Amino acid sequence: GLLGFNHVDWINRNAEIFIFIGEASQQGMGIGKQAMQLLIDFSRNNLNLHMLYLNVFSYNYGAIKMYEKIGFSIDGRLRESKFSKGKYHDTIIMSKLLNEG
């Protein structure tokens, strides 16, 4: 899998993050949650960031649930922005303020 930053805005102290667990057999085991928590802690304690944000497709229910469990909130959606398997899906925008725990 992969985990990291897409964009870091040092002036406003925020960053877009991403995670990808490629092997289906490794999904749903808590690896993503643990990795995300490490990235959040690193962003807060080492990079002094204020906010993290991410994009997730609306059909990825497990990821949305995990992000909410670790403190991300839904900020908005880009309606029908992803075409996959013959259907359009929303892109959900989520964020977490790092001073909220």
N, C-alpha and C. Protein backbone atom coordinates (compact mmCIF):
# COMPACT_ATOMS: atom_id res chain seq x y z
N GLY A 1 0.81 -1.19 0.00
CA GLY A 1 0.00 0.00 0.00
C GLY A 1 0.85 1.25 0.00
N LEU A 2 0.17 2.36 -0.09
CA LEU A 2 0.81 3.67 -0.11
C LEU A 2 0.10 4.61 0.87
N LEU A 3 0.85 5.52 1.42
CA LEU A 3 0.32 6.53 2.34
C LEU A 3 1.20 7.75 2.21
N GLY A 4 0.60 8.93 2.18
CA GLY A 4 1.44 10.10 2.09
C GLY A 4 0.67 11.39 1.89
N PHE A 5 1.40 12.41 1.46
CA PHE A 5 0.87 13.74 1.24
C PHE A 5 0.81 14.02 -0.26
N ASN A 6 -0.32 14.55 -0.74
CA ASN A 6 -0.40 15.01 -2.12
C ASN A 6 0.06 16.47 -2.21
N HIS A 7 -0.43 17.28 -1.33
CA HIS A 7 -0.09 18.71 -1.31
C HIS A 7 0.10 19.15 0.13
N VAL A 8 1.15 19.91 0.37
CA VAL A 8 1.36 20.51 1.68
C VAL A 8 1.41 22.02 1.49
N ASP A 9 0.55 22.72 2.20
CA ASP A 9 0.50 24.18 2.17
C ASP A 9 1.11 24.67 3.48
N TRP A 10 2.41 25.02 3.42
CA TRP A 10 3.14 25.40 4.63
C TRP A 10 2.66 26.74 5.19
N ILE A 11 2.19 27.63 4.34
CA ILE A 11 1.75 28.94 4.81
C ILE A 11 0.49 28.79 5.67
N ASN A 12 -0.48 28.00 5.19
CA ASN A 12 -1.73 27.81 5.92
C ASN A 12 -1.74 26.57 6.80
N ARG A 13 -0.64 25.83 6.80
CA ARG A 13 -0.42 24.65 7.65
C ARG A 13 -1.50 23.58 7.47
N ASN A 14 -1.77 23.25 6.19
CA ASN A 14 -2.68 22.15 5.91
C ASN A 14 -2.11 21.28 4.81
N ALA A 15 -2.66 20.07 4.68
CA ALA A 15 -2.15 19.15 3.68
C ALA A 15 -3.24 18.18 3.23
N GLU A 16 -3.17 17.82 1.97
CA GLU A 16 -4.02 16.75 1.44
C GLU A 16 -3.26 15.44 1.62
N ILE A 17 -3.95 14.43 2.12
CA ILE A 17 -3.31 13.14 2.36
C ILE A 17 -4.02 12.06 1.54
N PHE A 18 -3.35 10.92 1.40
CA PHE A 18 -3.94 9.80 0.70
C PHE A 18 -3.47 8.49 1.32
N ILE A 19 -4.26 7.46 1.11
CA ILE A 19 -3.88 6.10 1.51
C ILE A 19 -4.46 5.15 0.48
N PHE A 20 -3.72 4.11 0.18
CA PHE A 20 -4.15 3.08 -0.75
C PHE A 20 -3.65 1.74 -0.23
N ILE A 21 -4.57 0.86 0.09
CA ILE A 21 -4.23 -0.53 0.45
C ILE A 21 -4.60 -1.36 -0.77
N GLY A 22 -3.60 -1.75 -1.54
CA GLY A 22 -3.84 -2.38 -2.83
C GLY A 22 -4.28 -3.83 -2.77
N GLU A 23 -3.77 -4.58 -1.83
CA GLU A 23 -4.08 -6.00 -1.73
C GLU A 23 -5.40 -6.18 -1.00
N ALA A 24 -6.42 -6.68 -1.69
CA ALA A 24 -7.76 -6.82 -1.11
C ALA A 24 -7.74 -7.66 0.17
N SER A 25 -6.87 -8.64 0.25
CA SER A 25 -6.82 -9.50 1.44
C SER A 25 -6.31 -8.75 2.67
N GLN A 26 -5.69 -7.60 2.48
CA GLN A 26 -5.16 -6.80 3.59
C GLN A 26 -6.12 -5.68 4.01
N GLN A 27 -7.21 -5.52 3.27
CA GLN A 27 -8.18 -4.48 3.59
C GLN A 27 -9.09 -4.96 4.71
N GLY A 28 -9.55 -4.02 5.53
CA GLY A 28 -10.47 -4.34 6.61
C GLY A 28 -9.82 -4.97 7.83
N MET A 29 -8.50 -4.91 7.92
CA MET A 29 -7.77 -5.51 9.03
C MET A 29 -7.25 -4.48 10.02
N GLY A 30 -7.55 -3.21 9.80
CA GLY A 30 -7.09 -2.16 10.69
C GLY A 30 -5.74 -1.57 10.31
N ILE A 31 -5.14 -2.06 9.24
CA ILE A 31 -3.83 -1.55 8.81
C ILE A 31 -3.96 -0.09 8.37
N GLY A 32 -4.99 0.23 7.61
CA GLY A 32 -5.20 1.59 7.14
C GLY A 32 -5.45 2.55 8.29
N LYS A 33 -6.25 2.13 9.25
CA LYS A 33 -6.54 2.98 10.41
C LYS A 33 -5.27 3.27 11.20
N GLN A 34 -4.46 2.24 11.42
CA GLN A 34 -3.21 2.41 12.16
C GLN A 34 -2.25 3.33 11.39
N ALA A 35 -2.14 3.12 10.09
CA ALA A 35 -1.25 3.95 9.28
C ALA A 35 -1.72 5.40 9.26
N MET A 36 -3.03 5.61 9.13
CA MET A 36 -3.56 6.97 9.13
C MET A 36 -3.31 7.66 10.46
N GLN A 37 -3.46 6.93 11.56
CA GLN A 37 -3.22 7.53 12.87
C GLN A 37 -1.75 7.95 13.02
N LEU A 38 -0.84 7.14 12.49
CA LEU A 38 0.58 7.51 12.52
C LEU A 38 0.83 8.76 11.69
N LEU A 39 0.18 8.86 10.53
CA LEU A 39 0.35 10.04 9.68
C LEU A 39 -0.23 11.29 10.36
N ILE A 40 -1.37 11.13 11.02
CA ILE A 40 -1.98 12.25 11.75
C ILE A 40 -1.04 12.71 12.86
N ASP A 41 -0.53 11.77 13.65
CA ASP A 41 0.39 12.12 14.74
C ASP A 41 1.65 12.80 14.22
N PHE A 42 2.21 12.29 13.12
CA PHE A 42 3.40 12.88 12.52
C PHE A 42 3.09 14.30 12.03
N SER A 43 1.92 14.48 11.40
CA SER A 43 1.54 15.79 10.88
C SER A 43 1.40 16.82 12.00
N ARG A 44 0.85 16.39 13.12
CA ARG A 44 0.65 17.27 14.27
C ARG A 44 1.96 17.53 15.00
N ASN A 45 2.68 16.47 15.34
CA ASN A 45 3.84 16.59 16.23
C ASN A 45 5.14 16.97 15.55
N ASN A 46 5.31 16.59 14.29
CA ASN A 46 6.57 16.85 13.61
C ASN A 46 6.48 17.96 12.56
N LEU A 47 5.34 18.06 11.91
CA LEU A 47 5.20 19.06 10.85
C LEU A 47 4.43 20.29 11.30
N ASN A 48 3.82 20.23 12.49
CA ASN A 48 3.04 21.34 13.05
C ASN A 48 1.93 21.80 12.10
N LEU A 49 1.27 20.81 11.47
CA LEU A 49 0.15 21.14 10.60
C LEU A 49 -1.11 21.38 11.43
N HIS A 50 -2.02 22.15 10.87
CA HIS A 50 -3.27 22.49 11.54
C HIS A 50 -4.45 21.63 11.04
N MET A 51 -4.44 21.29 9.74
CA MET A 51 -5.57 20.59 9.16
C MET A 51 -5.11 19.62 8.08
N LEU A 52 -5.77 18.45 8.04
CA LEU A 52 -5.56 17.47 6.98
C LEU A 52 -6.87 17.29 6.25
N TYR A 53 -6.79 17.04 4.95
CA TYR A 53 -8.01 16.77 4.18
C TYR A 53 -7.74 15.67 3.17
N LEU A 54 -8.83 15.07 2.68
CA LEU A 54 -8.71 13.96 1.74
C LEU A 54 -9.97 13.87 0.89
N ASN A 55 -9.87 13.11 -0.19
CA ASN A 55 -10.99 12.81 -1.06
C ASN A 55 -11.22 11.30 -1.03
N VAL A 56 -12.48 10.90 -1.01
CA VAL A 56 -12.83 9.47 -1.02
C VAL A 56 -14.09 9.31 -1.87
N PHE A 57 -14.15 8.24 -2.64
CA PHE A 57 -15.32 8.01 -3.48
C PHE A 57 -16.48 7.49 -2.64
N SER A 58 -17.68 7.90 -2.99
CA SER A 58 -18.87 7.60 -2.18
C SER A 58 -19.16 6.11 -2.05
N TYR A 59 -18.68 5.30 -2.96
CA TYR A 59 -18.91 3.85 -2.86
C TYR A 59 -17.95 3.17 -1.89
N ASN A 60 -16.97 3.88 -1.38
CA ASN A 60 -15.97 3.30 -0.49
C ASN A 60 -16.43 3.46 0.97
N TYR A 61 -17.51 2.75 1.30
CA TYR A 61 -18.15 2.88 2.61
C TYR A 61 -17.20 2.58 3.77
N GLY A 62 -16.38 1.55 3.61
CA GLY A 62 -15.45 1.17 4.68
C GLY A 62 -14.46 2.27 5.00
N ALA A 63 -13.94 2.90 3.96
CA ALA A 63 -12.98 3.99 4.17
C ALA A 63 -13.65 5.19 4.83
N ILE A 64 -14.85 5.54 4.37
CA ILE A 64 -15.57 6.68 4.96
C ILE A 64 -15.81 6.43 6.44
N LYS A 65 -16.23 5.24 6.78
CA LYS A 65 -16.49 4.88 8.18
C LYS A 65 -15.20 4.98 9.01
N MET A 66 -14.10 4.47 8.47
CA MET A 66 -12.82 4.53 9.17
C MET A 66 -12.37 5.98 9.36
N TYR A 67 -12.49 6.82 8.33
CA TYR A 67 -12.09 8.22 8.45
C TYR A 67 -12.92 8.92 9.53
N GLU A 68 -14.21 8.64 9.58
CA GLU A 68 -15.05 9.25 10.61
C GLU A 68 -14.65 8.78 12.00
N LYS A 69 -14.27 7.52 12.14
CA LYS A 69 -13.84 6.99 13.44
C LYS A 69 -12.59 7.68 13.96
N ILE A 70 -11.71 8.10 13.05
CA ILE A 70 -10.47 8.75 13.49
C ILE A 70 -10.58 10.27 13.47
N GLY A 71 -11.82 10.78 13.33
CA GLY A 71 -12.04 12.20 13.53
C GLY A 71 -12.23 13.07 12.31
N PHE A 72 -12.28 12.49 11.12
CA PHE A 72 -12.53 13.28 9.92
C PHE A 72 -14.02 13.58 9.80
N SER A 73 -14.34 14.75 9.28
CA SER A 73 -15.72 15.16 9.03
C SER A 73 -15.93 15.38 7.55
N ILE A 74 -17.14 15.14 7.10
CA ILE A 74 -17.48 15.40 5.70
C ILE A 74 -17.71 16.89 5.52
N ASP A 75 -16.96 17.49 4.61
CA ASP A 75 -17.06 18.92 4.32
C ASP A 75 -17.90 19.20 3.09
N GLY A 76 -17.93 18.26 2.16
CA GLY A 76 -18.67 18.50 0.93
C GLY A 76 -18.53 17.33 -0.02
N ARG A 77 -19.09 17.50 -1.20
CA ARG A 77 -19.00 16.45 -2.20
C ARG A 77 -19.00 17.06 -3.59
N LEU A 78 -18.30 16.40 -4.46
CA LEU A 78 -18.31 16.73 -5.88
C LEU A 78 -19.23 15.70 -6.52
N ARG A 79 -20.40 16.13 -6.90
CA ARG A 79 -21.43 15.21 -7.36
C ARG A 79 -21.07 14.57 -8.69
N GLU A 80 -21.22 13.25 -8.72
CA GLU A 80 -21.03 12.44 -9.93
C GLU A 80 -19.73 12.76 -10.65
N SER A 81 -18.65 12.88 -9.91
CA SER A 81 -17.35 13.24 -10.48
C SER A 81 -16.51 12.04 -10.87
N LYS A 82 -16.94 10.83 -10.52
CA LYS A 82 -16.17 9.61 -10.81
C LYS A 82 -17.07 8.65 -11.57
N PHE A 83 -16.61 8.21 -12.75
CA PHE A 83 -17.35 7.22 -13.53
C PHE A 83 -16.65 5.88 -13.38
N SER A 84 -17.34 4.90 -12.84
CA SER A 84 -16.77 3.58 -12.61
C SER A 84 -17.84 2.51 -12.78
N LYS A 85 -17.53 1.50 -13.55
CA LYS A 85 -18.42 0.35 -13.77
C LYS A 85 -19.81 0.77 -14.22
N GLY A 86 -19.84 1.72 -15.16
CA GLY A 86 -21.10 2.12 -15.77
C GLY A 86 -21.94 3.10 -14.98
N LYS A 87 -21.42 3.62 -13.86
CA LYS A 87 -22.19 4.55 -13.02
C LYS A 87 -21.32 5.73 -12.61
N TYR A 88 -21.98 6.83 -12.32
CA TYR A 88 -21.30 7.98 -11.75
C TYR A 88 -21.39 7.92 -10.23
N HIS A 89 -20.31 8.35 -9.56
CA HIS A 89 -20.25 8.36 -8.10
C HIS A 89 -19.72 9.71 -7.64
N ASP A 90 -20.10 10.09 -6.43
CA ASP A 90 -19.63 11.35 -5.84
C ASP A 90 -18.22 11.18 -5.28
N THR A 91 -17.48 12.27 -5.26
CA THR A 91 -16.24 12.36 -4.51
C THR A 91 -16.56 13.12 -3.23
N ILE A 92 -16.28 12.51 -2.10
CA ILE A 92 -16.55 13.13 -0.80
C ILE A 92 -15.27 13.76 -0.29
N ILE A 93 -15.38 15.00 0.16
CA ILE A 93 -14.24 15.75 0.70
C ILE A 93 -14.37 15.73 2.22
N MET A 94 -13.31 15.28 2.89
CA MET A 94 -13.31 15.17 4.35
C MET A 94 -12.09 15.89 4.91
N SER A 95 -12.22 16.39 6.15
CA SER A 95 -11.08 17.05 6.78
C SER A 95 -11.06 16.77 8.28
N LYS A 96 -9.91 17.03 8.86
CA LYS A 96 -9.70 16.87 10.32
C LYS A 96 -8.82 18.01 10.79
N LEU A 97 -9.30 18.74 11.81
CA LEU A 97 -8.48 19.75 12.46
C LEU A 97 -7.62 19.03 13.50
N LEU A 98 -6.33 19.24 13.45
CA LEU A 98 -5.42 18.46 14.30
C LEU A 98 -5.41 18.90 15.75
N ASN A 99 -6.01 20.02 16.06
CA ASN A 99 -6.11 20.43 17.46
C ASN A 99 -7.38 19.88 18.13
N GLU A 100 -8.13 19.06 17.40
CA GLU A 100 -9.34 18.46 17.93
C GLU A 100 -9.12 17.04 18.44
N GLY A 101 -7.90 16.62 18.56
CA GLY A 101 -7.63 15.28 19.12
C GLY A 101 -7.26 14.23 18.17
